[in-house]
N, C-alpha and C. Protein backbone atom coordinates (compact mmCIF):
# COMPACT_ATOMS: atom_id res chain seq x y z
N MET A 1 -15.44 -23.06 6.47
CA MET A 1 -14.29 -22.53 6.86
C MET A 1 -13.40 -22.07 5.85
N SER A 2 -13.04 -20.88 5.77
CA SER A 2 -12.12 -20.35 4.66
C SER A 2 -10.71 -20.73 4.92
N SER A 3 -10.03 -20.48 3.96
CA SER A 3 -8.53 -20.97 3.87
C SER A 3 -7.74 -20.19 4.80
N ASN A 4 -7.96 -18.92 5.06
CA ASN A 4 -7.34 -17.88 5.87
C ASN A 4 -7.78 -17.84 7.20
N TYR A 5 -8.39 -18.98 7.67
CA TYR A 5 -9.08 -18.81 9.06
C TYR A 5 -8.03 -18.66 10.17
N TRP A 6 -6.89 -19.36 10.04
CA TRP A 6 -6.00 -19.34 11.22
C TRP A 6 -4.93 -18.33 10.94
N GLN A 7 -5.10 -17.23 10.20
CA GLN A 7 -4.35 -16.01 10.17
C GLN A 7 -4.53 -15.31 11.65
N THR A 8 -3.42 -14.45 11.82
CA THR A 8 -3.48 -13.73 13.14
C THR A 8 -4.37 -12.51 13.01
N LYS A 9 -4.87 -12.05 11.92
CA LYS A 9 -5.69 -10.96 11.96
C LYS A 9 -7.00 -11.19 12.58
N LYS A 10 -7.69 -10.09 12.94
CA LYS A 10 -9.05 -10.33 13.59
C LYS A 10 -10.05 -10.72 12.66
N GLN A 11 -10.80 -11.87 12.90
CA GLN A 11 -11.89 -12.41 12.11
C GLN A 11 -13.14 -12.02 12.58
N ASN A 12 -14.00 -11.38 11.64
CA ASN A 12 -15.26 -11.06 11.98
C ASN A 12 -16.22 -11.93 11.39
N GLU A 13 -17.18 -12.45 12.12
CA GLU A 13 -18.23 -13.25 11.50
C GLU A 13 -19.58 -12.80 11.73
N GLN A 14 -20.46 -13.37 10.83
CA GLN A 14 -21.80 -12.87 10.93
C GLN A 14 -22.57 -13.81 11.69
N PHE A 15 -22.72 -13.58 13.13
CA PHE A 15 -23.50 -14.36 13.90
C PHE A 15 -24.89 -13.76 13.93
N LYS A 16 -25.84 -14.64 14.13
CA LYS A 16 -27.20 -14.15 14.15
C LYS A 16 -27.48 -13.19 15.43
N HIS A 17 -27.95 -12.01 15.10
CA HIS A 17 -28.10 -11.06 16.18
C HIS A 17 -29.31 -11.23 16.96
N GLY A 18 -29.35 -11.18 18.26
CA GLY A 18 -30.60 -11.30 19.03
C GLY A 18 -30.96 -9.99 19.60
N ASN A 19 -32.05 -9.99 20.30
CA ASN A 19 -32.37 -8.69 20.91
C ASN A 19 -31.62 -8.44 22.25
N THR A 20 -31.09 -9.32 22.89
CA THR A 20 -30.48 -9.10 24.10
C THR A 20 -29.04 -9.46 24.13
N LEU A 21 -28.25 -9.03 25.04
CA LEU A 21 -26.84 -9.42 25.21
C LEU A 21 -26.72 -10.82 25.48
N THR A 22 -27.66 -11.31 26.35
CA THR A 22 -27.61 -12.79 26.72
C THR A 22 -27.85 -13.69 25.51
N SER A 23 -28.69 -13.29 24.64
CA SER A 23 -28.97 -14.18 23.49
C SER A 23 -27.81 -14.09 22.58
N LYS A 24 -27.03 -13.05 22.51
CA LYS A 24 -25.90 -12.96 21.74
C LYS A 24 -24.79 -13.88 22.18
N ILE A 25 -24.70 -13.97 23.56
CA ILE A 25 -23.62 -14.84 24.15
C ILE A 25 -24.01 -16.17 24.01
N GLU A 26 -25.27 -16.52 24.02
CA GLU A 26 -25.72 -17.96 23.88
C GLU A 26 -25.28 -18.30 22.46
N ALA A 27 -25.69 -17.49 21.48
CA ALA A 27 -25.24 -17.77 20.04
C ALA A 27 -23.76 -17.94 19.84
N TYR A 28 -22.95 -17.13 20.59
CA TYR A 28 -21.44 -17.20 20.40
C TYR A 28 -21.02 -18.60 20.95
N VAL A 29 -21.59 -19.03 22.09
CA VAL A 29 -21.20 -20.33 22.71
C VAL A 29 -21.74 -21.42 21.86
N LYS A 30 -22.92 -21.38 21.24
CA LYS A 30 -23.50 -22.47 20.44
C LYS A 30 -22.69 -22.55 19.23
N VAL A 31 -22.29 -21.51 18.60
CA VAL A 31 -21.47 -21.65 17.36
C VAL A 31 -20.15 -22.14 17.66
N TRP A 32 -19.45 -21.87 18.72
CA TRP A 32 -18.25 -22.50 18.96
C TRP A 32 -18.21 -23.88 19.41
N GLU A 33 -19.29 -24.30 20.14
CA GLU A 33 -19.53 -25.61 20.58
C GLU A 33 -19.77 -26.52 19.26
N SER A 34 -20.56 -25.89 18.34
CA SER A 34 -20.83 -26.84 17.16
C SER A 34 -19.59 -26.99 16.27
N ARG A 35 -18.56 -25.95 16.41
CA ARG A 35 -17.51 -26.34 15.61
C ARG A 35 -16.55 -27.41 16.12
N CYS A 36 -16.07 -27.06 17.22
CA CYS A 36 -14.99 -28.16 17.77
C CYS A 36 -14.85 -28.19 19.22
N TYR A 37 -15.74 -27.34 20.03
CA TYR A 37 -15.58 -27.36 21.53
C TYR A 37 -16.96 -28.01 22.04
N SER A 38 -17.04 -29.22 21.70
CA SER A 38 -18.26 -29.96 22.06
C SER A 38 -18.44 -30.12 23.58
N ASP A 39 -17.17 -30.07 24.40
CA ASP A 39 -17.18 -30.27 25.77
C ASP A 39 -17.39 -28.93 26.45
N GLY A 40 -17.41 -27.83 25.74
CA GLY A 40 -17.65 -26.43 26.33
C GLY A 40 -16.39 -25.68 25.95
N ILE A 41 -16.71 -24.27 25.84
CA ILE A 41 -15.52 -23.46 25.66
C ILE A 41 -14.51 -23.26 26.83
N PRO A 42 -13.35 -23.12 26.67
CA PRO A 42 -12.43 -22.79 27.88
C PRO A 42 -12.65 -21.62 28.57
N ASP A 43 -12.30 -21.57 29.86
CA ASP A 43 -12.35 -20.33 30.70
C ASP A 43 -11.35 -19.38 30.18
N GLU A 44 -10.09 -19.74 29.76
CA GLU A 44 -9.10 -18.78 29.43
C GLU A 44 -8.17 -19.39 28.38
N VAL A 45 -7.78 -18.68 27.38
CA VAL A 45 -6.77 -18.99 26.28
C VAL A 45 -5.66 -18.01 26.32
N PRO A 46 -4.55 -18.25 25.74
CA PRO A 46 -3.47 -17.20 25.62
C PRO A 46 -3.98 -15.92 25.00
N ASN A 47 -3.44 -14.85 25.58
CA ASN A 47 -3.96 -13.46 25.13
C ASN A 47 -3.72 -13.38 23.51
N LYS A 48 -2.66 -13.76 22.86
CA LYS A 48 -2.52 -13.55 21.59
C LYS A 48 -3.57 -14.20 20.71
N VAL A 49 -3.90 -15.40 21.06
CA VAL A 49 -5.00 -16.25 20.44
C VAL A 49 -6.33 -15.62 20.79
N MET A 50 -6.61 -15.06 21.94
CA MET A 50 -7.75 -14.51 22.26
C MET A 50 -8.09 -13.21 21.56
N ASP A 51 -6.98 -12.43 21.38
CA ASP A 51 -7.20 -11.17 20.73
C ASP A 51 -7.46 -11.26 19.12
N SER A 52 -6.91 -12.31 18.64
CA SER A 52 -7.03 -12.65 17.25
C SER A 52 -8.46 -13.26 16.89
N GLY A 53 -9.10 -13.76 17.96
CA GLY A 53 -10.38 -14.37 17.68
C GLY A 53 -10.32 -15.73 17.14
N ARG A 54 -9.29 -16.50 17.28
CA ARG A 54 -9.25 -17.87 16.67
C ARG A 54 -9.69 -18.90 17.68
N ALA A 55 -9.81 -18.63 18.99
CA ALA A 55 -10.43 -19.56 19.96
C ALA A 55 -11.31 -18.56 20.89
N PRO A 56 -12.38 -19.50 21.36
CA PRO A 56 -13.18 -18.80 22.25
C PRO A 56 -12.93 -18.89 23.66
N SER A 57 -13.37 -18.03 24.60
CA SER A 57 -13.08 -18.23 25.96
C SER A 57 -14.10 -17.22 26.77
N TYR A 58 -14.45 -17.73 27.98
CA TYR A 58 -15.26 -16.97 28.77
C TYR A 58 -14.63 -15.71 29.31
N LYS A 59 -13.26 -15.63 29.39
CA LYS A 59 -12.51 -14.64 29.65
C LYS A 59 -12.78 -13.33 28.65
N ALA A 60 -12.76 -13.76 27.35
CA ALA A 60 -13.05 -12.80 26.27
C ALA A 60 -14.43 -12.20 26.44
N LEU A 61 -15.54 -13.03 26.70
CA LEU A 61 -16.78 -12.69 27.03
C LEU A 61 -16.81 -11.58 28.22
N ALA A 62 -16.13 -11.93 29.21
CA ALA A 62 -16.17 -11.09 30.41
C ALA A 62 -15.51 -9.73 30.20
N ILE A 63 -14.44 -9.80 29.42
CA ILE A 63 -13.57 -8.54 28.92
C ILE A 63 -14.46 -7.70 28.13
N SER A 64 -15.18 -8.27 27.22
CA SER A 64 -15.99 -7.40 26.30
C SER A 64 -17.26 -6.80 27.09
N ILE A 65 -17.67 -7.54 28.03
CA ILE A 65 -18.78 -6.86 28.94
C ILE A 65 -18.29 -5.83 29.79
N LEU A 66 -17.08 -6.10 30.29
CA LEU A 66 -16.52 -5.12 31.23
C LEU A 66 -16.10 -3.76 30.50
N LYS A 67 -15.71 -3.94 29.22
CA LYS A 67 -15.52 -2.83 28.32
C LYS A 67 -16.76 -2.11 27.86
N ASN A 68 -17.93 -2.57 28.34
CA ASN A 68 -19.28 -2.12 27.84
C ASN A 68 -19.32 -2.15 26.39
N ASP A 69 -18.93 -3.22 25.76
CA ASP A 69 -18.97 -3.52 24.39
C ASP A 69 -20.25 -4.22 24.12
N LEU A 70 -21.50 -3.48 24.24
CA LEU A 70 -22.78 -4.17 24.10
C LEU A 70 -23.12 -4.88 22.71
N LEU A 71 -22.35 -4.43 21.63
CA LEU A 71 -22.51 -5.02 20.38
C LEU A 71 -21.66 -6.24 20.14
N LEU A 72 -20.73 -6.51 21.22
CA LEU A 72 -19.75 -7.61 21.18
C LEU A 72 -18.87 -7.67 19.95
N LYS A 73 -18.40 -6.50 19.57
CA LYS A 73 -17.55 -6.47 18.35
C LYS A 73 -16.28 -7.11 18.71
N SER A 74 -15.71 -7.02 20.07
CA SER A 74 -14.44 -7.58 20.31
C SER A 74 -14.36 -9.08 20.27
N ILE A 75 -15.56 -9.82 20.24
CA ILE A 75 -15.48 -11.21 20.12
C ILE A 75 -15.96 -11.73 18.69
N GLY A 76 -16.32 -10.85 17.91
CA GLY A 76 -16.53 -11.27 16.43
C GLY A 76 -17.90 -10.86 15.93
N PHE A 77 -18.68 -10.28 16.72
CA PHE A 77 -20.05 -9.78 16.17
C PHE A 77 -19.83 -8.54 15.20
N ASP A 78 -20.55 -8.45 14.18
CA ASP A 78 -20.45 -7.37 13.38
C ASP A 78 -21.64 -6.32 13.78
N GLY A 79 -21.29 -5.10 13.81
CA GLY A 79 -22.36 -4.14 14.23
C GLY A 79 -23.19 -4.01 13.13
N LYS A 80 -24.53 -3.80 13.64
CA LYS A 80 -25.53 -3.41 12.49
C LYS A 80 -25.30 -1.93 11.98
N GLU A 81 -25.49 -1.97 10.62
CA GLU A 81 -25.39 -0.62 10.02
C GLU A 81 -26.63 -0.30 9.63
N SER A 82 -27.19 0.94 9.90
CA SER A 82 -28.52 1.31 9.49
C SER A 82 -28.54 1.56 8.04
N LYS A 83 -29.87 1.57 7.47
CA LYS A 83 -30.00 1.90 6.06
C LYS A 83 -29.73 3.30 5.76
N TRP A 84 -29.93 4.15 6.74
CA TRP A 84 -29.82 5.59 6.55
C TRP A 84 -28.27 5.88 6.40
N TYR A 85 -27.42 5.25 7.17
CA TYR A 85 -25.99 5.55 7.16
C TYR A 85 -25.49 5.04 5.88
N SER A 86 -26.01 3.78 5.27
CA SER A 86 -25.58 3.38 3.93
C SER A 86 -25.90 4.22 2.94
N ALA A 87 -27.15 4.86 3.13
CA ALA A 87 -27.60 5.86 1.91
C ALA A 87 -26.79 6.99 1.95
N LEU A 88 -26.38 7.58 3.05
CA LEU A 88 -25.59 8.73 3.22
C LEU A 88 -24.05 8.49 2.51
N LYS A 89 -23.54 7.26 3.00
CA LYS A 89 -22.30 6.97 2.49
C LYS A 89 -22.38 6.74 0.94
N ASP A 90 -23.35 6.17 0.46
CA ASP A 90 -23.50 6.01 -1.01
C ASP A 90 -23.60 7.37 -1.70
N LYS A 91 -24.41 8.42 -1.13
CA LYS A 91 -24.48 9.64 -1.61
C LYS A 91 -23.18 10.44 -1.70
N LYS A 92 -22.37 10.30 -0.63
CA LYS A 92 -21.17 10.83 -0.56
C LYS A 92 -20.23 10.36 -1.57
N ARG A 93 -20.26 8.96 -1.76
CA ARG A 93 -19.35 8.40 -2.80
C ARG A 93 -19.75 8.82 -4.09
N ARG A 94 -20.98 9.10 -4.45
CA ARG A 94 -21.29 9.56 -5.81
C ARG A 94 -21.02 10.99 -5.97
N GLU A 95 -21.12 11.82 -5.05
CA GLU A 95 -20.67 13.10 -5.08
C GLU A 95 -19.09 13.27 -5.28
N GLU A 96 -18.36 12.49 -4.60
CA GLU A 96 -17.00 12.46 -4.64
C GLU A 96 -16.50 11.94 -6.06
N SER A 97 -17.12 10.98 -6.60
CA SER A 97 -16.80 10.41 -7.92
C SER A 97 -16.98 11.49 -9.10
N ASN A 98 -17.93 12.43 -8.83
CA ASN A 98 -18.28 13.48 -9.82
C ASN A 98 -17.22 14.72 -9.82
N GLN A 99 -16.49 14.81 -8.73
CA GLN A 99 -15.58 15.76 -8.66
C GLN A 99 -14.29 15.37 -9.63
N TYR A 100 -13.76 16.59 -10.25
CA TYR A 100 -12.67 16.45 -10.99
C TYR A 100 -11.41 17.17 -10.51
N ASP A 101 -10.31 16.64 -10.75
CA ASP A 101 -9.07 17.33 -10.17
C ASP A 101 -8.78 18.50 -11.08
N MET A 102 -8.56 19.64 -10.51
CA MET A 102 -8.33 20.78 -11.33
C MET A 102 -6.74 20.99 -11.71
N PHE A 103 -5.87 20.39 -10.86
CA PHE A 103 -4.46 20.50 -11.18
C PHE A 103 -3.91 19.39 -11.33
């Protein structure tokens, strides 16, 4: 656990990605239960806490599914970035670093 874990900014964590939405939700519940929610995660937490990602809830899961967030970014999963996107971004950075300001 990092020292800035309880800050109010959104925390993104690297959960292991599964092939299905169900396996991602199971991983989310398993990670939170292994931390400090051994009795199960709550159904609902205050909105400010839920939005910051500091506490899990089934309400947050339901909202992310209703918003059609299939990558579950709203509850802390990082989206997978393709290697082609990374290659194009690196190429663009190299091109921009070679440009000189004329004025």
